[in-house]
Amino acid sequence: MKTRSELEAMTVKKLRRYVIDSGNSFPHLGETKKADIIERLMKIRAAQEDAKPAPTTKEAP
């Protein structure tokens, strides 16, 4: 997923296209403001990062 600064640099039209292409769907996307779209994408990213298992470290004997 793109960083917040990359998302903010996109136009609203490109941002909406990115949301659709990335498989995310927001109800009434056409009426959603750019800031709202970015906030929702950041929440999705945070949820995905929380869902990933923590990397395990191998201990040396």
Protein backbone atom coordinates (compact mmCIF):
# COMPACT_ATOMS: atom_id res chain seq x y z
CA MET A 1 0.00 0.00 0.00
CA LYS A 2 1.15 3.51 -0.69
CA THR A 3 2.31 5.85 2.05
CA ARG A 4 0.14 8.71 3.31
CA SER A 5 2.24 11.30 1.46
CA GLU A 6 1.88 9.35 -1.81
CA LEU A 7 -1.89 9.15 -1.32
CA GLU A 8 -2.14 12.87 -0.54
CA ALA A 9 -0.24 13.68 -3.74
CA MET A 10 -2.82 11.85 -5.86
CA THR A 11 -5.82 13.58 -7.36
CA VAL A 12 -9.23 12.55 -6.07
CA LYS A 13 -9.97 10.77 -9.34
CA LYS A 14 -6.72 8.78 -9.20
CA LEU A 15 -7.25 8.06 -5.51
CA ARG A 16 -10.70 6.63 -6.16
CA ARG A 17 -9.28 4.51 -8.99
CA TYR A 18 -6.51 3.27 -6.65
CA VAL A 19 -9.08 2.26 -4.03
CA ILE A 20 -11.06 0.27 -6.57
CA ASP A 21 -7.96 -1.33 -8.11
CA SER A 22 -6.56 -2.31 -4.72
CA GLY A 23 -9.73 -4.25 -3.94
CA ASN A 24 -11.07 -1.93 -1.25
CA SER A 25 -14.63 -0.74 -1.51
CA PHE A 26 -16.22 2.14 0.31
CA PRO A 27 -19.93 2.83 0.10
CA HIS A 28 -20.72 5.96 -1.89
CA LEU A 29 -17.09 6.42 -2.94
CA GLY A 30 -18.11 9.08 -5.44
CA GLU A 31 -19.31 11.34 -2.62
CA THR A 32 -16.39 10.65 -0.28
CA LYS A 33 -13.86 13.42 0.38
CA LYS A 34 -10.18 12.82 -0.28
CA ALA A 35 -9.22 13.11 3.41
CA ASP A 36 -11.86 10.52 4.35
CA ILE A 37 -10.57 8.08 1.74
CA ILE A 38 -6.99 8.47 2.99
CA GLU A 39 -8.04 7.99 6.62
CA ARG A 40 -9.92 4.80 5.76
CA LEU A 41 -6.97 3.46 3.78
CA MET A 42 -4.66 4.15 6.73
CA LYS A 43 -7.06 2.28 9.05
CA ILE A 44 -7.09 -0.68 6.63
CA ARG A 45 -3.29 -0.65 6.55
CA ALA A 46 -3.09 -0.58 10.36
CA ALA A 47 -5.53 -3.47 10.61
CA GLN A 48 -3.51 -5.50 8.10
CA GLU A 49 -0.29 -4.83 9.99
CA ASP A 50 -1.92 -5.88 13.27
CA ALA A 51 -3.16 -9.09 11.67
CA LYS A 52 0.31 -10.17 10.53
CA PRO A 53 2.04 -12.59 12.89
CA ALA A 54 5.00 -11.13 14.72
CA PRO A 55 8.31 -12.29 13.26
CA THR A 56 10.02 -14.84 15.41
CA THR A 57 13.68 -14.47 16.27
CA LYS A 58 15.92 -17.49 16.28
CA GLU A 59 17.99 -17.76 19.41
CA ALA A 60 21.60 -18.84 19.14
CA PRO A 61 22.46 -21.89 21.28
